[in-house]
Protein backbone atom coordinates (compact mmCIF):
# COMPACT_ATOMS: atom_id res chain seq x y z
CA MET A 1 0.21 -0.12 0.31
CA ALA A 2 1.44 3.46 -1.25
CA GLU A 3 1.46 5.78 1.82
CA GLY A 4 -0.86 8.14 2.02
CA ASP A 5 -3.64 5.96 0.31
CA ASN A 6 -6.32 5.71 2.31
CA SER A 7 -9.00 4.23 -0.21
CA PRO A 8 -11.63 1.68 1.36
CA THR A 9 -9.78 -1.08 -1.11
CA ASN A 10 -6.30 -0.50 0.19
CA THR A 11 -6.47 0.25 3.89
CA THR A 12 -5.92 -2.87 6.75
CA LEU A 13 -8.60 -3.52 8.76
CA ASP A 14 -7.88 -1.96 12.52
CA SER A 15 -8.59 -5.03 14.80
CA ASN A 16 -9.33 -2.75 17.65
CA ALA A 17 -11.57 -0.77 15.62
CA LEU A 18 -13.78 -4.30 14.23
CA GLN A 19 -13.46 -5.34 18.27
CA ALA A 20 -15.10 -1.73 19.12
CA LEU A 21 -17.89 -2.66 16.31
CA SER A 22 -18.36 -6.25 17.28
CA GLU A 23 -18.82 -4.98 20.97
CA TYR A 24 -21.35 -2.27 20.27
CA LYS A 25 -24.94 -3.76 20.72
CA GLY A 26 -28.31 -2.28 21.39
CA ASP A 27 -30.15 1.08 20.31
CA SER A 28 -30.12 2.87 23.04
CA LYS A 29 -30.52 6.56 23.00
CA LEU A 30 -27.47 6.65 25.71
CA LYS A 31 -25.25 4.63 23.72
CA LYS A 32 -25.60 6.39 20.74
CA GLU A 33 -24.99 10.03 22.46
CA ALA A 34 -21.85 8.63 24.15
CA MET A 35 -20.96 7.04 20.44
CA ASN A 36 -21.78 10.79 18.87
CA ILE A 37 -19.70 12.46 21.95
CA LEU A 38 -16.63 10.06 21.11
CA VAL A 39 -16.41 10.79 17.49
CA ARG A 40 -16.41 14.27 18.19
CA MET A 41 -13.59 13.70 20.15
CA LEU A 42 -11.64 12.27 17.81
CA ASP A 43 -9.18 14.42 15.60
CA GLU A 44 -9.19 14.51 11.89
CA THR A 45 -6.94 11.90 11.27
CA GLN A 46 -8.56 9.54 13.46
CA LEU A 47 -11.91 10.42 12.36
CA GLN A 48 -10.39 9.81 8.54
CA HIS A 49 -9.35 6.45 9.70
CA LEU A 50 -12.75 5.31 11.43
CA MET A 51 -14.41 6.43 8.38
CA THR A 52 -12.31 4.51 5.77
CA THR A 53 -12.90 1.21 8.06
CA PHE A 54 -16.03 1.64 7.97
CA GLU A 55 -16.28 2.33 4.53
CA GLU A 56 -14.12 -0.89 3.61
CA ILE A 57 -16.30 -3.37 5.81
CA ASP A 58 -19.69 -1.72 4.38
CA THR A 59 -18.84 -3.30 0.92
CA ASP A 60 -22.53 -2.81 -0.26
CA ARG A 61 -22.46 0.58 0.13
CA THR A 62 -25.74 1.06 2.37
CA GLY A 63 -24.59 2.99 5.28
CA MET A 64 -25.00 0.12 7.57
CA ILE A 65 -22.91 -3.09 8.54
CA ASN A 66 -24.44 -6.06 7.89
CA LEU A 67 -23.19 -9.66 9.16
CA THR A 68 -21.99 -11.14 6.34
CA GLU A 69 -20.08 -7.97 5.93
CA LEU A 70 -18.76 -8.11 9.68
CA GLN A 71 -18.03 -11.66 9.56
CA THR A 72 -15.89 -11.04 6.28
CA ALA A 73 -14.00 -8.09 7.96
CA PHE A 74 -12.84 -10.57 10.73
CA VAL A 75 -11.96 -13.35 8.32
CA LYS A 76 -9.73 -10.59 6.69
CA THR A 77 -8.01 -9.60 10.32
CA GLU A 78 -7.58 -12.91 11.14
CA ASN A 79 -5.47 -13.74 8.02
CA LEU A 80 -3.08 -10.06 8.93
CA PRO A 81 0.43 -11.14 9.84
């Protein structure tokens, strides 16, 4: 991967990001608001990394990650060195 190349197809999935996504469950307003606050605390680089990771997992570009996409992301992560 070329340095500075953040295209969704060339980004390595971050296992910490995948773990955080897998642990996030529920639709409570408190959890949603807490996530919004955390996202607002990210710097531009961190936010871009999070968005790129999401876009790589969301292969059908619906704006939501379904079970199949999440399972595929986990398989990709397991195959990383």
